[in-house]
Amino acid sequence: MLAGIFGLSLAIALRDRNYVVSVFDRSQYDENGYDPTADDVQAASADHNKIFRASYGNEIHYQRLALESRKAWVLEDEKRGFSSGDIDDKRLFVNSGMLRVQPSDHLATLEKETLANMQRDGIRDTQFVESDTADCERAERLGWKHKLLHFKIPDTPEKTYEAVLDTLAGFLRCSNACDHYREVAVAKGVKFHLGAEAGAVESLIKVASSVEADKEKVSGLKTKDGAIHNADIVVVAGGSHDYLSPYCADILQLDHSQRKYFLT
């Protein structure tokens, strides 16, 4: 498996279930700390930050998944000894809020659907509509009013774009998060093989299947330094790249028109 956030998450989950786990990646993450400016950092999850939001219109299942993950991020920061009031901010999740500016002076359909689902889940009070007097008063009481910005509509200066301030939203310091969870994995006993030789996979090792006579199964991998690593199970956790495992491309294809695959 690779050492992006999918590989790290899976490695930790397997170790928690007492599996012996090794992670391979051609990037030297133990040295570069997932710095997105480093030459050998390839993981899509390595970046300075990524927006966190739970605003998904009528797709309430995404809203609930996002809020579940938000709780986990907040808890992880608390475990590390950081809270939202820290001046020296080293949190992984920063609850900065997000202003969703609409394309006109009224709420778009997607925004109305989002607010309806926030209401449905009892969290409408975390959303502040710019044109709603009660929302603006509540934002001022809670210290969010300074983030309810007004943007004039060109050629109609008497009007401003409608906007919604989402105080559940923020951003994640994702490279920091990856490096943190790599350290968590190491502490739990996950073994990492990193770098252009020891971590780069040259080929998968295949043997005859004991279940189907005309089939093969993967029994390990060979890295570019020539080392052979045998395993009961080989997992490819490399994001949406079908070239990582062309043997599975047709099986794992999700969108034929765009040729996207997810391998985990």
C-alpha atoms as a PDB file:
ATOM      1  CA  MET A   1       0.000   0.000   0.000  1.00  0.00           C
ATOM      2  CA  LEU A   2       1.010   3.625  -0.408  1.00  0.00           C
ATOM      3  CA  ALA A   3       1.504   6.212   2.329  1.00  0.00           C
ATOM      4  CA  GLY A   4      -1.114   8.809   1.480  1.00  0.00           C
ATOM      5  CA  ILE A   5      -4.050   9.327   3.817  1.00  0.00           C
ATOM      6  CA  PHE A   6      -5.905   6.218   2.543  1.00  0.00           C
ATOM      7  CA  GLY A   7      -2.861   3.998   3.067  1.00  0.00           C
ATOM      8  CA  LEU A   8      -2.121   5.500   6.478  1.00  0.00           C
ATOM      9  CA  SER A   9      -5.719   5.162   7.660  1.00  0.00           C
ATOM     10  CA  LEU A  10      -5.911   1.563   6.523  1.00  0.00           C
ATOM     11  CA  ALA A  11      -2.529   0.701   8.048  1.00  0.00           C
ATOM     12  CA  ILE A  12      -3.589   2.069  11.434  1.00  0.00           C
ATOM     13  CA  ALA A  13      -6.958   0.295  11.284  1.00  0.00           C
ATOM     14  CA  LEU A  14      -5.276  -3.035  10.452  1.00  0.00           C
ATOM     15  CA  ARG A  15      -2.678  -2.660  13.208  1.00  0.00           C
ATOM     16  CA  ASP A  16      -5.486  -1.956  15.660  1.00  0.00           C
ATOM     17  CA  ARG A  17      -6.776  -5.395  14.675  1.00  0.00           C
ATOM     18  CA  ASN A  18      -3.350  -6.962  15.290  1.00  0.00           C
ATOM     19  CA  TYR A  19      -2.312  -7.418  11.667  1.00  0.00           C
ATOM     20  CA  VAL A  20       1.372  -7.134  10.750  1.00  0.00           C
ATOM     21  CA  VAL A  21       1.472  -4.215   8.312  1.00  0.00           C
ATOM     22  CA  SER A  22       4.119  -2.816   5.959  1.00  0.00           C
ATOM     23  CA  VAL A  23       3.674   0.339   3.895  1.00  0.00           C
ATOM     24  CA  PHE A  24       5.606   1.067   0.701  1.00  0.00           C
ATOM     25  CA  ASP A  25       5.939   4.434  -1.008  1.00  0.00           C
ATOM     26  CA  ARG A  26       8.528   5.921  -3.350  1.00  0.00           C
ATOM     27  CA  SER A  27       8.319   9.278  -1.546  1.00  0.00           C
ATOM     28  CA  GLN A  28      10.640   9.810   1.435  1.00  0.00           C
ATOM     29  CA  TYR A  29       7.876  11.036   3.720  1.00  0.00           C
ATOM     30  CA  ASP A  30       9.859  10.465   6.904  1.00  0.00           C
ATOM     31  CA  GLU A  31      12.298  13.135   5.692  1.00  0.00           C
ATOM     32  CA  ASN A  32      10.125  15.576   3.739  1.00  0.00           C
ATOM     33  CA  GLY A  33       7.172  15.551   6.146  1.00  0.00           C
ATOM     34  CA  TYR A  34       4.712  15.463   3.239  1.00  0.00           C
ATOM     35  CA  ASP A  35       5.808  18.983   2.276  1.00  0.00           C
ATOM     36  CA  PRO A  36       3.807  19.667  -0.922  1.00  0.00           C
ATOM     37  CA  THR A  37       6.700  21.706  -2.337  1.00  0.00           C
ATOM     38  CA  ALA A  38       9.122  18.769  -2.143  1.00  0.00           C
ATOM     39  CA  ASP A  39      10.007  17.162  -5.471  1.00  0.00           C
ATOM     40  CA  ASP A  40       9.100  13.603  -4.523  1.00  0.00           C
ATOM     41  CA  VAL A  41       5.768  14.246  -2.785  1.00  0.00           C
ATOM     42  CA  GLN A  42       3.097  12.569  -4.932  1.00  0.00           C
ATOM     43  CA  ALA A  43       0.099  11.916  -2.666  1.00  0.00           C
ATOM     44  CA  ALA A  44      -3.017  13.922  -3.489  1.00  0.00           C
ATOM     45  CA  SER A  45      -3.616  14.181   0.255  1.00  0.00           C
ATOM     46  CA  ALA A  46      -0.363  16.151   0.679  1.00  0.00           C
ATOM     47  CA  ASP A  47      -1.152  19.856   0.470  1.00  0.00           C
ATOM     48  CA  HIS A  48      -0.922  22.964   2.636  1.00  0.00           C
ATOM     49  CA  ASN A  49      -4.631  22.830   3.376  1.00  0.00           C
ATOM     50  CA  LYS A  50      -7.968  21.592   2.113  1.00  0.00           C
ATOM     51  CA  ILE A  51     -11.389  23.058   2.748  1.00  0.00           C
ATOM     52  CA  PHE A  52     -13.662  21.252   5.170  1.00  0.00           C
ATOM     53  CA  ARG A  53     -17.418  21.675   4.670  1.00  0.00           C
ATOM     54  CA  ALA A  54     -20.637  19.818   5.338  1.00  0.00           C
ATOM     55  CA  SER A  55     -22.730  21.759   2.796  1.00  0.00           C
ATOM     56  CA  TYR A  56     -23.964  19.289   0.196  1.00  0.00           C
ATOM     57  CA  GLY A  57     -27.431  20.444  -0.812  1.00  0.00           C
ATOM     58  CA  ASN A  58     -29.950  17.604  -0.621  1.00  0.00           C
ATOM     59  CA  GLU A  59     -27.250  14.917  -0.219  1.00  0.00           C
ATOM     60  CA  ILE A  60     -27.719  14.643   3.517  1.00  0.00           C
ATOM     61  CA  HIS A  61     -25.645  11.453   3.741  1.00  0.00           C
ATOM     62  CA  TYR A  62     -22.552  13.483   2.748  1.00  0.00           C
ATOM     63  CA  GLN A  63     -23.456  16.138   5.292  1.00  0.00           C
ATOM     64  CA  ARG A  64     -23.625  13.552   8.047  1.00  0.00           C
ATOM     65  CA  LEU A  65     -20.400  11.838   6.994  1.00  0.00           C
ATOM     66  CA  ALA A  66     -18.624  15.199   6.952  1.00  0.00           C
ATOM     67  CA  LEU A  67     -19.874  16.099  10.408  1.00  0.00           C
ATOM     68  CA  GLU A  68     -18.851  12.690  11.719  1.00  0.00           C
ATOM     69  CA  SER A  69     -15.324  13.280  10.398  1.00  0.00           C
ATOM     70  CA  ARG A  70     -15.330  16.793  11.873  1.00  0.00           C
ATOM     71  CA  LYS A  71     -15.881  15.351  15.338  1.00  0.00           C
ATOM     72  CA  ALA A  72     -12.943  12.997  14.774  1.00  0.00           C
ATOM     73  CA  TRP A  73     -10.639  15.853  13.720  1.00  0.00           C
ATOM     74  CA  VAL A  74     -11.627  17.981  16.722  1.00  0.00           C
ATOM     75  CA  LEU A  75     -11.085  15.000  19.048  1.00  0.00           C
ATOM     76  CA  GLU A  76      -7.669  14.293  17.510  1.00  0.00           C
ATOM     77  CA  ASP A  77      -6.578  17.887  18.132  1.00  0.00           C
ATOM     78  CA  GLU A  78      -7.817  17.683  21.720  1.00  0.00           C
ATOM     79  CA  LYS A  79      -5.844  14.444  22.224  1.00  0.00           C
ATOM     80  CA  ARG A  80      -2.758  16.272  20.958  1.00  0.00           C
ATOM     81  CA  GLY A  81      -3.363  19.056  23.487  1.00  0.00           C
ATOM     82  CA  PHE A  82      -4.608  21.735  21.092  1.00  0.00           C
ATOM     83  CA  SER A  83      -7.885  23.621  21.213  1.00  0.00           C
ATOM     84  CA  SER A  84      -9.546  26.330  19.149  1.00  0.00           C
ATOM     85  CA  GLY A  85      -8.293  29.037  21.511  1.00  0.00           C
ATOM     86  CA  ASP A  86      -4.583  28.318  21.068  1.00  0.00           C
ATOM     87  CA  ILE A  87      -2.583  31.305  19.865  1.00  0.00           C
ATOM     88  CA  ASP A  88       0.282  29.165  18.584  1.00  0.00           C
ATOM     89  CA  ASP A  89      -2.037  27.322  16.275  1.00  0.00           C
ATOM     90  CA  LYS A  90      -0.853  23.799  15.491  1.00  0.00           C
ATOM     91  CA  ARG A  91      -4.285  22.276  15.076  1.00  0.00           C
ATOM     92  CA  LEU A  92      -4.952  19.919  12.204  1.00  0.00           C
ATOM     93  CA  PHE A  93      -8.503  21.255  11.831  1.00  0.00           C
ATOM     94  CA  VAL A  94      -9.038  25.025  11.918  1.00  0.00           C
ATOM     95  CA  ASN A  95     -12.649  26.079  12.425  1.00  0.00           C
ATOM     96  CA  SER A  96     -12.321  29.322  10.477  1.00  0.00           C
ATOM     97  CA  GLY A  97     -15.802  29.217   8.990  1.00  0.00           C
ATOM     98  CA  MET A  98     -16.599  29.604   5.291  1.00  0.00           C
ATOM     99  CA  LEU A  99     -18.580  32.270   3.487  1.00  0.00           C
ATOM    100  CA  ARG A 100     -20.631  30.783   0.675  1.00  0.00           C
ATOM    101  CA  VAL A 101     -21.271  33.702  -1.682  1.00  0.00           C
ATOM    102  CA  GLN A 102     -24.249  33.204  -3.983  1.00  0.00           C
ATOM    103  CA  PRO A 103     -24.314  34.049  -7.703  1.00  0.00           C
ATOM    104  CA  SER A 104     -27.057  36.672  -7.196  1.00  0.00           C
ATOM    105  CA  ASP A 105     -28.843  38.646  -4.482  1.00  0.00           C
ATOM    106  CA  HIS A 106     -30.898  35.635  -3.406  1.00  0.00           C
ATOM    107  CA  LEU A 107     -30.223  32.102  -2.237  1.00  0.00           C
ATOM    108  CA  ALA A 108     -29.529  29.542  -4.954  1.00  0.00           C
ATOM    109  CA  THR A 109     -31.421  26.230  -4.953  1.00  0.00           C
ATOM    110  CA  LEU A 110     -28.412  24.270  -3.678  1.00  0.00           C
ATOM    111  CA  GLU A 111     -28.070  26.656  -0.738  1.00  0.00           C
ATOM    112  CA  LYS A 112     -31.745  26.350   0.147  1.00  0.00           C
ATOM    113  CA  GLU A 113     -31.389  22.564   0.113  1.00  0.00           C
ATOM    114  CA  THR A 114     -28.316  22.773   2.343  1.00  0.00           C
ATOM    115  CA  LEU A 115     -30.080  25.003   4.868  1.00  0.00           C
ATOM    116  CA  ALA A 116     -33.113  22.698   4.865  1.00  0.00           C
ATOM    117  CA  ASN A 117     -30.930  19.709   5.716  1.00  0.00           C
ATOM    118  CA  MET A 118     -29.071  21.688   8.384  1.00  0.00           C
ATOM    119  CA  GLN A 119     -32.496  22.467   9.863  1.00  0.00           C
ATOM    120  CA  ARG A 120     -33.457  18.806   9.605  1.00  0.00           C
ATOM    121  CA  ASP A 121     -30.388  17.774  11.613  1.00  0.00           C
ATOM    122  CA  GLY A 122     -30.873  20.520  14.218  1.00  0.00           C
ATOM    123  CA  ILE A 123     -27.809  22.598  13.261  1.00  0.00           C
ATOM    124  CA  ARG A 124     -29.398  25.478  11.343  1.00  0.00           C
ATOM    125  CA  ASP A 125     -28.166  27.844  14.073  1.00  0.00           C
ATOM    126  CA  THR A 126     -24.584  27.320  12.802  1.00  0.00           C
ATOM    127  CA  GLN A 127     -25.539  28.988   9.494  1.00  0.00           C
ATOM    128  CA  PHE A 128     -25.915  32.738   9.053  1.00  0.00           C
ATOM    129  CA  VAL A 129     -27.728  34.169   6.028  1.00  0.00           C
ATOM    130  CA  GLU A 130     -26.544  37.680   5.257  1.00  0.00           C
ATOM    131  CA  SER A 131     -30.010  39.057   4.450  1.00  0.00           C
ATOM    132  CA  ASP A 132     -31.614  37.483   7.532  1.00  0.00           C
ATOM    133  CA  THR A 133     -31.757  40.062  10.345  1.00  0.00           C
ATOM    134  CA  ALA A 134     -32.094  37.443  13.077  1.00  0.00           C
ATOM    135  CA  ASP A 135     -29.093  35.536  11.701  1.00  0.00           C
ATOM    136  CA  CYS A 136     -26.998  38.717  11.621  1.00  0.00           C
ATOM    137  CA  GLU A 137     -27.914  39.581  15.198  1.00  0.00           C
ATOM    138  CA  ARG A 138     -27.038  36.059  16.327  1.00  0.00           C
ATOM    139  CA  ALA A 139     -23.732  36.232  14.432  1.00  0.00           C
ATOM    140  CA  GLU A 140     -22.862  39.455  16.249  1.00  0.00           C
ATOM    141  CA  ARG A 141     -23.661  37.949  19.652  1.00  0.00           C
ATOM    142  CA  LEU A 142     -21.499  34.910  18.920  1.00  0.00           C
ATOM    143  CA  GLY A 143     -18.558  36.818  17.478  1.00  0.00           C
ATOM    144  CA  TRP A 144     -18.971  35.824  13.821  1.00  0.00           C
ATOM    145  CA  LYS A 145     -20.385  39.077  12.398  1.00  0.00           C
ATOM    146  CA  HIS A 146     -16.983  40.293  11.096  1.00  0.00           C
ATOM    147  CA  LYS A 147     -16.929  37.357   8.667  1.00  0.00           C
ATOM    148  CA  LEU A 148     -20.294  38.199   7.109  1.00  0.00           C
ATOM    149  CA  LEU A 149     -18.746  40.196   4.282  1.00  0.00           C
ATOM    150  CA  HIS A 150     -20.717  42.186   1.716  1.00  0.00           C
ATOM    151  CA  PHE A 151     -19.877  42.099  -1.983  1.00  0.00           C
ATOM    152  CA  LYS A 152     -21.579  44.598  -4.279  1.00  0.00           C
ATOM    153  CA  ILE A 153     -23.027  43.345  -7.536  1.00  0.00           C
ATOM    154  CA  PRO A 154     -21.358  45.168 -10.483  1.00  0.00           C
ATOM    155  CA  ASP A 155     -23.538  47.771 -12.204  1.00  0.00           C
ATOM    156  CA  THR A 156     -26.121  47.492  -9.422  1.00  0.00           C
ATOM    157  CA  PRO A 157     -24.335  49.087  -6.439  1.00  0.00           C
ATOM    158  CA  GLU A 158     -27.500  49.133  -4.349  1.00  0.00           C
ATOM    159  CA  LYS A 159     -27.490  45.331  -4.314  1.00  0.00           C
ATOM    160  CA  THR A 160     -25.046  42.837  -2.806  1.00  0.00           C
ATOM    161  CA  TYR A 161     -24.542  39.163  -3.446  1.00  0.00           C
ATOM    162  CA  GLU A 162     -26.393  36.997  -0.979  1.00  0.00           C
ATOM    163  CA  ALA A 163     -24.093  34.941   1.227  1.00  0.00           C
ATOM    164  CA  VAL A 164     -24.221  32.314   3.955  1.00  0.00           C
ATOM    165  CA  LEU A 165     -21.612  32.070   6.678  1.00  0.00           C
ATOM    166  CA  ASP A 166     -21.084  28.431   7.653  1.00  0.00           C
ATOM    167  CA  THR A 167     -19.475  28.295  11.091  1.00  0.00           C
ATOM    168  CA  LEU A 168     -19.040  24.523  10.993  1.00  0.00           C
ATOM    169  CA  ALA A 169     -16.628  24.809   8.075  1.00  0.00           C
ATOM    170  CA  GLY A 170     -12.908  25.500   8.037  1.00  0.00           C
ATOM    171  CA  PHE A 171      -9.781  23.935   6.668  1.00  0.00           C
ATOM    172  CA  LEU A 172      -7.483  21.006   7.371  1.00  0.00           C
ATOM    173  CA  ARG A 173      -3.703  21.210   7.407  1.00  0.00           C
ATOM    174  CA  CYS A 174      -3.563  18.024   5.408  1.00  0.00           C
ATOM    175  CA  SER A 175       0.199  17.581   4.981  1.00  0.00           C
ATOM    176  CA  ASN A 176       0.583  18.044   8.735  1.00  0.00           C
ATOM    177  CA  ALA A 177      -2.213  15.528   9.243  1.00  0.00           C
ATOM    178  CA  CYS A 178      -0.514  12.952   7.004  1.00  0.00           C
ATOM    179  CA  ASP A 179       2.768  13.353   8.859  1.00  0.00           C
ATOM    180  CA  HIS A 180       0.969  13.092  12.190  1.00  0.00           C
ATOM    181  CA  TYR A 181      -0.758   9.857  11.228  1.00  0.00           C
ATOM    182  CA  ARG A 182       2.473   8.434   9.825  1.00  0.00           C
ATOM    183  CA  GLU A 183       3.964   8.949  13.287  1.00  0.00           C
ATOM    184  CA  VAL A 184       0.878   7.356  14.860  1.00  0.00           C
ATOM    185  CA  ALA A 185       1.296   4.355  12.552  1.00  0.00           C
ATOM    186  CA  VAL A 186       4.999   4.015  13.414  1.00  0.00           C
ATOM    187  CA  ALA A 187       4.175   4.135  17.129  1.00  0.00           C
ATOM    188  CA  LYS A 188       1.637   1.347  16.621  1.00  0.00           C
ATOM    189  CA  GLY A 189       4.225  -0.856  14.910  1.00  0.00           C
ATOM    190  CA  VAL A 190       3.557  -0.281  11.207  1.00  0.00           C
ATOM    191  CA  LYS A 191       6.771  -0.752   9.212  1.00  0.00           C
ATOM    192  CA  PHE A 192       7.490   1.794   6.490  1.00  0.00           C
ATOM    193  CA  HIS A 193       9.610   1.239   3.385  1.00  0.00           C
ATOM    194  CA  LEU A 194      10.128   4.660   1.857  1.00  0.00           C
ATOM    195  CA  GLY A 195      12.229   6.138  -0.922  1.00  0.00           C
ATOM    196  CA  ALA A 196      13.027   5.680  -4.593  1.00  0.00           C
ATOM    197  CA  GLU A 197      14.625   2.255  -4.056  1.00  0.00           C
ATOM    198  CA  ALA A 198      13.319   0.611  -0.883  1.00  0.00           C
ATOM    199  CA  GLY A 199       9.799   2.022  -1.219  1.00  0.00           C
ATOM    200  CA  ALA A 200       9.189   1.991  -4.961  1.00  0.00           C
ATOM    201  CA  VAL A 201       7.336  -1.095  -6.162  1.00  0.00           C
ATOM    202  CA  GLU A 202       8.857  -2.650  -9.258  1.00  0.00           C
ATOM    203  CA  SER A 203       6.370  -5.495  -9.665  1.00  0.00           C
ATOM    204  CA  LEU A 204       3.808  -7.651  -7.936  1.00  0.00           C
ATOM    205  CA  ILE A 205       4.698 -11.266  -7.231  1.00  0.00           C
ATOM    206  CA  LYS A 206       2.123 -13.741  -8.461  1.00  0.00           C
ATOM    207  CA  VAL A 207       1.690 -17.453  -7.846  1.00  0.00           C
ATOM    208  CA  ALA A 208      -0.879 -20.002  -8.970  1.00  0.00           C
ATOM    209  CA  SER A 209      -4.157 -19.753  -7.148  1.00  0.00           C
ATOM    210  CA  SER A 210      -5.008 -22.630  -4.848  1.00  0.00           C
ATOM    211  CA  VAL A 211      -8.708 -21.912  -5.368  1.00  0.00           C
ATOM    212  CA  GLU A 212      -8.993 -21.539  -9.154  1.00  0.00           C
ATOM    213  CA  ALA A 213      -6.633 -23.576 -11.311  1.00  0.00           C
ATOM    214  CA  ASP A 214      -6.463 -21.087 -14.179  1.00  0.00           C
ATOM    215  CA  LYS A 215      -6.024 -18.037 -11.977  1.00  0.00           C
ATOM    216  CA  GLU A 216      -3.135 -16.348 -10.190  1.00  0.00           C
ATOM    217  CA  LYS A 217      -2.984 -14.574  -6.880  1.00  0.00           C
ATOM    218  CA  VAL A 218      -0.668 -11.843  -5.604  1.00  0.00           C
ATOM    219  CA  SER A 219       1.617 -13.153  -2.883  1.00  0.00           C
ATOM    220  CA  GLY A 220       3.896 -10.165  -2.401  1.00  0.00           C
ATOM    221  CA  LEU A 221       5.874  -7.501  -4.186  1.00  0.00           C
ATOM    222  CA  LYS A 222       9.349  -6.638  -5.364  1.00  0.00           C
ATOM    223  CA  THR A 223      10.828  -3.208  -4.738  1.00  0.00           C
ATOM    224  CA  LYS A 224      13.352  -1.463  -6.963  1.00  0.00           C
ATOM    225  CA  ASP A 225      16.219  -2.305  -4.631  1.00  0.00           C
ATOM    226  CA  GLY A 226      15.625  -5.970  -5.527  1.00  0.00           C
ATOM    227  CA  ALA A 227      14.088  -6.942  -2.189  1.00  0.00           C
ATOM    228  CA  ILE A 228      11.224  -9.441  -2.163  1.00  0.00           C
ATOM    229  CA  HIS A 229       8.417  -8.864   0.334  1.00  0.00           C
ATOM    230  CA  ASN A 230       5.972 -11.722   0.817  1.00  0.00           C
ATOM    231  CA  ALA A 231       2.515 -11.109   2.208  1.00  0.00           C
ATOM    232  CA  ASP A 232      -0.795 -12.818   2.811  1.00  0.00           C
ATOM    233  CA  ILE A 233      -2.634  -9.803   1.394  1.00  0.00           C
ATOM    234  CA  VAL A 234      -1.402  -6.947  -0.798  1.00  0.00           C
ATOM    235  CA  VAL A 235      -3.533  -3.804  -0.750  1.00  0.00           C
ATOM    236  CA  VAL A 236      -3.125  -0.978  -3.271  1.00  0.00           C
ATOM    237  CA  ALA A 237      -4.192   2.312  -1.670  1.00  0.00           C
ATOM    238  CA  GLY A 238      -3.170   4.770  -4.325  1.00  0.00           C
ATOM    239  CA  GLY A 239      -6.178   6.916  -5.118  1.00  0.00           C
ATOM    240  CA  SER A 240      -7.882   7.134  -8.510  1.00  0.00           C
ATOM    241  CA  HIS A 241      -5.089   5.880 -10.757  1.00  0.00           C
ATOM    242  CA  ASP A 242      -5.842   2.777 -12.807  1.00  0.00           C
ATOM    243  CA  TYR A 243      -2.201   2.396 -13.874  1.00  0.00           C
ATOM    244  CA  LEU A 244      -1.295   1.319 -10.335  1.00  0.00           C
ATOM    245  CA  SER A 245      -3.014  -1.997 -10.839  1.00  0.00           C
ATOM    246  CA  PRO A 246      -3.988  -2.538 -14.482  1.00  0.00           C
ATOM    247  CA  TYR A 247      -5.067  -6.110 -13.654  1.00  0.00           C
ATOM    248  CA  CYS A 248      -8.066  -4.679 -11.803  1.00  0.00           C
ATOM    249  CA  ALA A 249      -8.850  -1.748 -14.098  1.00  0.00           C
ATOM    250  CA  ASP A 250     -11.990  -3.214 -15.642  1.00  0.00           C
ATOM    251  CA  ILE A 251     -13.302  -4.502 -12.308  1.00  0.00           C
ATOM    252  CA  LEU A 252     -12.744  -1.275 -10.393  1.00  0.00           C
ATOM    253  CA  GLN A 253     -13.861   1.112 -13.108  1.00  0.00           C
ATOM    254  CA  LEU A 254     -16.419   3.557 -11.758  1.00  0.00           C
ATOM    255  CA  ASP A 255     -16.843   6.085 -14.553  1.00  0.00           C
ATOM    256  CA  HIS A 256     -16.273   4.737 -18.029  1.00  0.00           C
ATOM    257  CA  SER A 257     -16.423   8.168 -19.655  1.00  0.00           C
ATOM    258  CA  GLN A 258     -13.683   9.608 -17.459  1.00  0.00           C
ATOM    259  CA  ARG A 259     -11.692   6.399 -16.829  1.00  0.00           C
ATOM    260  CA  LYS A 260     -11.578   6.844 -13.058  1.00  0.00           C
ATOM    261  CA  TYR A 261     -10.778   4.004 -10.710  1.00  0.00           C
ATOM    262  CA  PHE A 262     -10.482   3.745  -6.967  1.00  0.00           C
ATOM    263  CA  LEU A 263      -8.065   1.177  -5.592  1.00  0.00           C
ATOM    264  CA  THR A 264      -7.986   0.436  -1.894  1.00  0.00           C
END
